């Protein structure tokens, strides 16, 4: 039985350092999501990304911006 795809927000980063800083920030602040390998649909980035529900986009990107964590892009994908 194939895996069921789910609509997800994926935030990509240019560097592993930024991705790990985002993970630490989200855990510290209790923000939703988890670190995942960058999906193949996204061609640029460091290989790590943050996955969450699409409706969490504004909260997550605002928290990253406020903390000075640089993110490359936020995408909604069926993964």
PDB file of N, CA and C in Angstrom:
ATOM      1  N   UNK A   1       0.848  -1.183   0.000  1.00  0.00           N
ATOM      2  CA  UNK A   1       0.000   0.000   0.000  1.00  0.00           C
ATOM      3  C   UNK A   1       0.896   1.251   0.000  1.00  0.00           C
ATOM      4  N   UNK A   2       0.711   2.143  -0.961  1.00  0.00           N
ATOM      5  CA  UNK A   2       1.566   3.338  -1.023  1.00  0.00           C
ATOM      6  C   UNK A   2       1.290   4.281   0.141  1.00  0.00           C
ATOM      7  N   UNK A   3       2.303   5.065   0.492  1.00  0.00           N
ATOM      8  CA  UNK A   3       2.153   6.042   1.556  1.00  0.00           C
ATOM      9  C   UNK A   3       1.180   7.124   1.128  1.00  0.00           C
ATOM     10  N   UNK A   4       0.355   7.561   2.053  1.00  0.00           N
ATOM     11  CA  UNK A   4      -0.588   8.637   1.799  1.00  0.00           C
ATOM     12  C   UNK A   4       0.159   9.967   1.839  1.00  0.00           C
ATOM     13  N   UNK A   5       0.021  10.769   0.798  1.00  0.00           N
ATOM     14  CA  UNK A   5       0.667  12.089   0.789  1.00  0.00           C
ATOM     15  C   UNK A   5      -0.184  13.066   1.582  1.00  0.00           C
ATOM     16  N   UNK A   6       0.490  14.032   2.161  1.00  0.00           N
ATOM     17  CA  UNK A   6      -0.169  15.002   3.029  1.00  0.00           C
ATOM     18  C   UNK A   6       0.332  16.392   2.662  1.00  0.00           C
ATOM     19  N   UNK A   7      -0.575  17.346   2.569  1.00  0.00           N
ATOM     20  CA  UNK A   7      -0.197  18.731   2.253  1.00  0.00           C
ATOM     21  C   UNK A   7       0.576  19.300   3.438  1.00  0.00           C
ATOM     22  N   UNK A   8       1.802  19.749   3.178  1.00  0.00           N
ATOM     23  CA  UNK A   8       2.675  20.216   4.247  1.00  0.00           C
ATOM     24  C   UNK A   8       3.411  21.485   3.847  1.00  0.00           C
ATOM     25  N   UNK A   9       3.712  22.283   4.845  1.00  0.00           N
ATOM     26  CA  UNK A   9       4.584  23.434   4.677  1.00  0.00           C
ATOM     27  C   UNK A   9       6.014  22.940   4.842  1.00  0.00           C
ATOM     28  N   UNK A  10       6.888  23.337   3.916  1.00  0.00           N
ATOM     29  CA  UNK A  10       8.306  23.001   4.008  1.00  0.00           C
ATOM     30  C   UNK A  10       9.096  24.306   3.914  1.00  0.00           C
ATOM     31  N   UNK A  11       9.885  24.578   4.951  1.00  0.00           N
ATOM     32  CA  UNK A  11      10.727  25.770   4.962  1.00  0.00           C
ATOM     33  C   UNK A  11      12.156  25.314   4.705  1.00  0.00           C
ATOM     34  N   UNK A  12      12.758  25.850   3.642  1.00  0.00           N
ATOM     35  CA  UNK A  12      14.111  25.474   3.237  1.00  0.00           C
ATOM     36  C   UNK A  12      15.123  26.496   3.747  1.00  0.00           C
ATOM     37  N   UNK A  13      16.338  26.017   3.962  1.00  0.00           N
ATOM     38  CA  UNK A  13      17.432  26.853   4.467  1.00  0.00           C
ATOM     39  C   UNK A  13      18.651  26.690   3.565  1.00  0.00           C
ATOM     40  N   UNK A  14      19.486  27.744   3.483  1.00  0.00           N
ATOM     41  CA  UNK A  14      20.706  27.681   2.678  1.00  0.00           C
ATOM     42  C   UNK A  14      21.836  26.941   3.384  1.00  0.00           C
ATOM     43  N   UNK A  15      21.779  26.901   4.718  1.00  0.00           N
ATOM     44  CA  UNK A  15      22.879  26.256   5.438  1.00  0.00           C
ATOM     45  C   UNK A  15      22.342  25.363   6.546  1.00  0.00           C
ATOM     46  N   UNK A  16      23.110  24.338   6.841  1.00  0.00           N
ATOM     47  CA  UNK A  16      22.772  23.428   7.933  1.00  0.00           C
ATOM     48  C   UNK A  16      22.714  24.196   9.247  1.00  0.00           C
ATOM     49  N   UNK A  17      23.603  25.164   9.419  1.00  0.00           N
ATOM     50  CA  UNK A  17      23.631  25.973  10.642  1.00  0.00           C
ATOM     51  C   UNK A  17      22.283  26.670  10.857  1.00  0.00           C
ATOM     52  N   UNK A  18      21.725  27.250   9.797  1.00  0.00           N
ATOM     53  CA  UNK A  18      20.431  27.935   9.900  1.00  0.00           C
ATOM     54  C   UNK A  18      19.306  26.937  10.192  1.00  0.00           C
ATOM     55  N   UNK A  19      19.353  25.772   9.549  1.00  0.00           N
ATOM     56  CA  UNK A  19      18.323  24.749   9.777  1.00  0.00           C
ATOM     57  C   UNK A  19      18.345  24.268  11.226  1.00  0.00           C
ATOM     58  N   UNK A  20      19.529  24.037  11.762  1.00  0.00           N
ATOM     59  CA  UNK A  20      19.641  23.572  13.145  1.00  0.00           C
ATOM     60  C   UNK A  20      19.272  24.671  14.131  1.00  0.00           C
ATOM     61  N   UNK A  21      19.569  25.923  13.805  1.00  0.00           N
ATOM     62  CA  UNK A  21      19.154  27.048  14.642  1.00  0.00           C
ATOM     63  C   UNK A  21      17.630  27.146  14.655  1.00  0.00           C
ATOM     64  N   UNK A  22      17.004  26.913  13.510  1.00  0.00           N
ATOM     65  CA  UNK A  22      15.538  26.931  13.425  1.00  0.00           C
ATOM     66  C   UNK A  22      14.941  25.817  14.278  1.00  0.00           C
ATOM     67  N   UNK A  23      15.539  24.644  14.214  1.00  0.00           N
ATOM     68  CA  UNK A  23      15.054  23.519  15.025  1.00  0.00           C
ATOM     69  C   UNK A  23      15.140  23.862  16.514  1.00  0.00           C
ATOM     70  N   UNK A  24      16.271  24.408  16.938  1.00  0.00           N
ATOM     71  CA  UNK A  24      16.449  24.777  18.344  1.00  0.00           C
ATOM     72  C   UNK A  24      15.425  25.836  18.765  1.00  0.00           C
ATOM     73  N   UNK A  25      15.228  26.838  17.923  1.00  0.00           N
ATOM     74  CA  UNK A  25      14.266  27.905  18.216  1.00  0.00           C
ATOM     75  C   UNK A  25      12.851  27.342  18.356  1.00  0.00           C
ATOM     76  N   UNK A  26      12.455  26.512  17.410  1.00  0.00           N
ATOM     77  CA  UNK A  26      11.095  25.966  17.425  1.00  0.00           C
ATOM     78  C   UNK A  26      10.866  25.090  18.651  1.00  0.00           C
ATOM     79  N   UNK A  27      11.861  24.283  19.017  1.00  0.00           N
ATOM     80  CA  UNK A  27      11.730  23.455  20.217  1.00  0.00           C
ATOM     81  C   UNK A  27      11.648  24.335  21.456  1.00  0.00           C
ATOM     82  N   UNK A  28      12.507  25.339  21.526  1.00  0.00           N
ATOM     83  CA  UNK A  28      12.540  26.251  22.674  1.00  0.00           C
ATOM     84  C   UNK A  28      11.217  26.990  22.852  1.00  0.00           C
ATOM     85  N   UNK A  29      10.622  27.420  21.735  1.00  0.00           N
ATOM     86  CA  UNK A  29       9.383  28.207  21.786  1.00  0.00           C
ATOM     87  C   UNK A  29       8.119  27.351  21.672  1.00  0.00           C
ATOM     88  N   UNK A  30       8.293  26.035  21.543  1.00  0.00           N
ATOM     89  CA  UNK A  30       7.132  25.152  21.427  1.00  0.00           C
ATOM     90  C   UNK A  30       6.383  25.310  20.119  1.00  0.00           C
ATOM     91  N   UNK A  31       7.099  25.697  19.073  1.00  0.00           N
ATOM     92  CA  UNK A  31       6.476  25.879  17.756  1.00  0.00           C
ATOM     93  C   UNK A  31       6.326  24.526  17.059  1.00  0.00           C
ATOM     94  N   UNK A  32       5.309  24.395  16.228  1.00  0.00           N
ATOM     95  CA  UNK A  32       5.024  23.107  15.603  1.00  0.00           C
ATOM     96  C   UNK A  32       5.994  22.753  14.483  1.00  0.00           C
ATOM     97  N   UNK A  33       6.143  21.449  14.264  1.00  0.00           N
ATOM     98  CA  UNK A  33       6.920  20.956  13.142  1.00  0.00           C
ATOM     99  C   UNK A  33       8.101  20.122  13.566  1.00  0.00           C
ATOM    100  N   UNK A  34       8.867  19.720  12.543  1.00  0.00           N
ATOM    101  CA  UNK A  34      10.065  18.909  12.780  1.00  0.00           C
ATOM    102  C   UNK A  34      11.017  19.050  11.608  1.00  0.00           C
ATOM    103  N   UNK A  35      12.271  18.723  11.850  1.00  0.00           N
ATOM    104  CA  UNK A  35      13.288  18.796  10.799  1.00  0.00           C
ATOM    105  C   UNK A  35      13.161  17.550   9.920  1.00  0.00           C
ATOM    106  N   UNK A  36      13.275  17.745   8.619  1.00  0.00           N
ATOM    107  CA  UNK A  36      13.216  16.623   7.671  1.00  0.00           C
ATOM    108  C   UNK A  36      14.263  16.852   6.583  1.00  0.00           C
ATOM    109  N   UNK A  37      14.609  15.791   5.843  1.00  0.00           N
ATOM    110  CA  UNK A  37      15.451  16.000   4.654  1.00  0.00           C
ATOM    111  C   UNK A  37      14.690  16.859   3.641  1.00  0.00           C
ATOM    112  N   UNK A  38      15.412  17.699   2.936  1.00  0.00           N
ATOM    113  CA  UNK A  38      14.787  18.562   1.935  1.00  0.00           C
ATOM    114  C   UNK A  38      14.143  17.694   0.847  1.00  0.00           C
ATOM    115  N   UNK A  39      12.850  17.873   0.578  1.00  0.00           N
ATOM    116  CA  UNK A  39      12.195  17.085  -0.474  1.00  0.00           C
ATOM    117  C   UNK A  39      12.824  17.345  -1.851  1.00  0.00           C
ATOM    118  N   UNK A  40      12.801  16.333  -2.691  1.00  0.00           N
ATOM    119  CA  UNK A  40      13.390  16.425  -4.023  1.00  0.00           C
ATOM    120  C   UNK A  40      12.743  17.510  -4.879  1.00  0.00           C
ATOM    121  N   UNK A  41      11.491  17.859  -4.590  1.00  0.00           N
ATOM    122  CA  UNK A  41      10.787  18.890  -5.359  1.00  0.00           C
ATOM    123  C   UNK A  41      11.431  20.268  -5.210  1.00  0.00           C
ATOM    124  N   UNK A  42      12.211  20.453  -4.166  1.00  0.00           N
ATOM    125  CA  UNK A  42      12.884  21.733  -3.921  1.00  0.00           C
ATOM    126  C   UNK A  42      14.355  21.537  -4.269  1.00  0.00           C
ATOM    127  N   UNK A  43      14.822  22.280  -5.271  1.00  0.00           N
ATOM    128  CA  UNK A  43      16.165  22.020  -5.794  1.00  0.00           C
ATOM    129  C   UNK A  43      17.273  22.784  -5.074  1.00  0.00           C
ATOM    130  N   UNK A  44      16.936  23.820  -4.319  1.00  0.00           N
ATOM    131  CA  UNK A  44      17.966  24.616  -3.660  1.00  0.00           C
ATOM    132  C   UNK A  44      17.863  24.463  -2.157  1.00  0.00           C
ATOM    133  N   UNK A  45      18.992  24.511  -1.508  1.00  0.00           N
ATOM    134  CA  UNK A  45      19.000  24.430  -0.059  1.00  0.00           C
ATOM    135  C   UNK A  45      20.113  23.546   0.434  1.00  0.00           C
ATOM    136  N   UNK A  46      20.178  23.392   1.745  1.00  0.00           N
ATOM    137  CA  UNK A  46      21.293  22.682   2.369  1.00  0.00           C
ATOM    138  C   UNK A  46      21.038  21.197   2.536  1.00  0.00           C
ATOM    139  N   UNK A  47      19.836  20.738   2.267  1.00  0.00           N
ATOM    140  CA  UNK A  47      19.528  19.330   2.465  1.00  0.00           C
ATOM    141  C   UNK A  47      18.628  19.088   3.670  1.00  0.00           C
ATOM    142  N   UNK A  48      18.433  20.123   4.500  1.00  0.00           N
ATOM    143  CA  UNK A  48      17.524  20.021   5.643  1.00  0.00           C
ATOM    144  C   UNK A  48      16.426  21.072   5.507  1.00  0.00           C
ATOM    145  N   UNK A  49      15.263  20.757   6.043  1.00  0.00           N
ATOM    146  CA  UNK A  49      14.153  21.697   6.006  1.00  0.00           C
ATOM    147  C   UNK A  49      13.275  21.483   7.228  1.00  0.00           C
ATOM    148  N   UNK A  50      12.334  22.389   7.445  1.00  0.00           N
ATOM    149  CA  UNK A  50      11.386  22.304   8.554  1.00  0.00           C
ATOM    150  C   UNK A  50      10.021  22.005   7.969  1.00  0.00           C
ATOM    151  N   UNK A  51       9.365  20.993   8.503  1.00  0.00           N
ATOM    152  CA  UNK A  51       8.048  20.583   8.011  1.00  0.00           C
ATOM    153  C   UNK A  51       6.994  20.872   9.075  1.00  0.00           C
ATOM    154  N   UNK A  52       5.891  21.475   8.658  1.00  0.00           N
ATOM    155  CA  UNK A  52       4.775  21.778   9.558  1.00  0.00           C
ATOM    156  C   UNK A  52       3.494  21.831   8.734  1.00  0.00           C
ATOM    157  N   UNK A  53       2.404  22.126   9.404  1.00  0.00           N
ATOM    158  CA  UNK A  53       1.129  22.296   8.712  1.00  0.00           C
ATOM    159  C   UNK A  53       1.142  23.634   7.967  1.00  0.00           C
ATOM    160  N   UNK A  54       0.540  23.696   6.776  1.00  0.00           N
ATOM    161  CA  UNK A  54       0.558  24.936   5.984  1.00  0.00           C
ATOM    162  C   UNK A  54       0.044  26.163   6.731  1.00  0.00           C
ATOM    163  N   UNK A  55      -0.940  25.987   7.594  1.00  0.00           N
ATOM    164  CA  UNK A  55      -1.506  27.143   8.298  1.00  0.00           C
ATOM    165  C   UNK A  55      -0.557  27.733   9.344  1.00  0.00           C
ATOM    166  N   UNK A  56       0.547  27.072   9.614  1.00  0.00           N
ATOM    167  CA  UNK A  56       1.541  27.562  10.583  1.00  0.00           C
ATOM    168  C   UNK A  56       2.584  28.477   9.935  1.00  0.00           C
ATOM    169  N   UNK A  57       2.475  28.690   8.636  1.00  0.00           N
ATOM    170  CA  UNK A  57       3.500  29.443   7.902  1.00  0.00           C
ATOM    171  C   UNK A  57       3.816  30.805   8.519  1.00  0.00           C
ATOM    172  N   UNK A  58       2.808  31.626   8.732  1.00  0.00           N
ATOM    173  CA  UNK A  58       3.046  32.996   9.216  1.00  0.00           C
ATOM    174  C   UNK A  58       3.702  33.006  10.591  1.00  0.00           C
ATOM    175  N   UNK A  59       3.238  32.133  11.485  1.00  0.00           N
ATOM    176  CA  UNK A  59       3.809  32.056  12.831  1.00  0.00           C
ATOM    177  C   UNK A  59       5.280  31.639  12.762  1.00  0.00           C
ATOM    178  N   UNK A  60       5.562  30.613  11.960  1.00  0.00           N
ATOM    179  CA  UNK A  60       6.937  30.099  11.877  1.00  0.00           C
ATOM    180  C   UNK A  60       7.882  31.095  11.214  1.00  0.00           C
ATOM    181  N   UNK A  61       7.478  31.661  10.078  1.00  0.00           N
ATOM    182  CA  UNK A  61       8.387  32.577   9.385  1.00  0.00           C
ATOM    183  C   UNK A  61       8.607  33.850  10.195  1.00  0.00           C
ATOM    184  N   UNK A  62       7.581  34.304  10.918  1.00  0.00           N
ATOM    185  CA  UNK A  62       7.746  35.482  11.772  1.00  0.00           C
ATOM    186  C   UNK A  62       8.738  35.181  12.904  1.00  0.00           C
ATOM    187  N   UNK A  63       8.640  34.006  13.504  1.00  0.00           N
ATOM    188  CA  UNK A  63       9.556  33.628  14.585  1.00  0.00           C
ATOM    189  C   UNK A  63      10.991  33.516  14.066  1.00  0.00           C
ATOM    190  N   UNK A  64      11.163  32.945  12.879  1.00  0.00           N
ATOM    191  CA  UNK A  64      12.503  32.835  12.286  1.00  0.00           C
ATOM    192  C   UNK A  64      13.070  34.221  12.003  1.00  0.00           C
ATOM    193  N   UNK A  65      12.262  35.084  11.413  1.00  0.00           N
ATOM    194  CA  UNK A  65      12.711  36.449  11.108  1.00  0.00           C
ATOM    195  C   UNK A  65      13.098  37.197  12.382  1.00  0.00           C
ATOM    196  N   UNK A  66      12.267  37.079  13.407  1.00  0.00           N
ATOM    197  CA  UNK A  66      12.521  37.775  14.672  1.00  0.00           C
ATOM    198  C   UNK A  66      13.822  37.294  15.315  1.00  0.00           C
ATOM    199  N   UNK A  67      14.127  36.010  15.147  1.00  0.00           N
ATOM    200  CA  UNK A  67      15.342  35.439  15.730  1.00  0.00           C
ATOM    201  C   UNK A  67      16.574  35.647  14.840  1.00  0.00           C
ATOM    202  N   UNK A  68      16.362  36.215  13.640  1.00  0.00           N
ATOM    203  CA  UNK A  68      17.478  36.442  12.732  1.00  0.00           C
ATOM    204  C   UNK A  68      17.948  35.193  12.013  1.00  0.00           C
ATOM    205  N   UNK A  69      17.078  34.192  11.925  1.00  0.00           N
ATOM    206  CA  UNK A  69      17.412  32.943  11.229  1.00  0.00           C
ATOM    207  C   UNK A  69      16.997  33.103   9.771  1.00  0.00           C
ATOM    208  N   UNK A  70      17.950  32.904   8.886  1.00  0.00           N
ATOM    209  CA  UNK A  70      17.721  33.118   7.452  1.00  0.00           C
ATOM    210  C   UNK A  70      17.156  31.851   6.828  1.00  0.00           C
ATOM    211  N   UNK A  71      16.006  31.990   6.191  1.00  0.00           N
ATOM    212  CA  UNK A  71      15.391  30.864   5.496  1.00  0.00           C
ATOM    213  C   UNK A  71      15.286  31.194   4.012  1.00  0.00           C
ATOM    214  N   UNK A  72      15.386  30.179   3.198  1.00  0.00           N
ATOM    215  CA  UNK A  72      15.455  30.342   1.740  1.00  0.00           C
ATOM    216  C   UNK A  72      14.068  30.479   1.109  1.00  0.00           C
ATOM    217  N   UNK A  73      13.118  29.690   1.575  1.00  0.00           N
ATOM    218  CA  UNK A  73      11.787  29.730   0.991  1.00  0.00           C
ATOM    219  C   UNK A  73      10.828  28.875   1.792  1.00  0.00           C
ATOM    220  N   UNK A  74       9.546  29.163   1.654  1.00  0.00           N
ATOM    221  CA  UNK A  74       8.489  28.390   2.307  1.00  0.00           C
ATOM    222  C   UNK A  74       7.566  27.869   1.212  1.00  0.00           C
ATOM    223  N   UNK A  75       7.403  26.558   1.175  1.00  0.00           N
ATOM    224  CA  UNK A  75       6.663  25.904   0.099  1.00  0.00           C
ATOM    225  C   UNK A  75       5.570  25.029   0.692  1.00  0.00           C
ATOM    226  N   UNK A  76       4.444  24.920  -0.017  1.00  0.00           N
ATOM    227  CA  UNK A  76       3.409  23.983   0.360  1.00  0.00           C
ATOM    228  C   UNK A  76       3.437  22.863  -0.681  1.00  0.00           C
ATOM    229  N   UNK A  77       3.707  21.648  -0.187  1.00  0.00           N
ATOM    230  CA  UNK A  77       3.872  20.495  -1.055  1.00  0.00           C
ATOM    231  C   UNK A  77       3.027  19.325  -0.565  1.00  0.00           C
ATOM    232  N   UNK A  78       2.705  18.424  -1.466  1.00  0.00           N
ATOM    233  CA  UNK A  78       2.091  17.153  -1.075  1.00  0.00           C
ATOM    234  C   UNK A  78       3.217  16.149  -0.907  1.00  0.00           C
ATOM    235  N   UNK A  79       3.565  15.904   0.344  1.00  0.00           N
ATOM    236  CA  UNK A  79       4.670  14.959   0.620  1.00  0.00           C
ATOM    237  C   UNK A  79       4.233  13.924   1.643  1.00  0.00           C
TER     238      UNK A  79
END
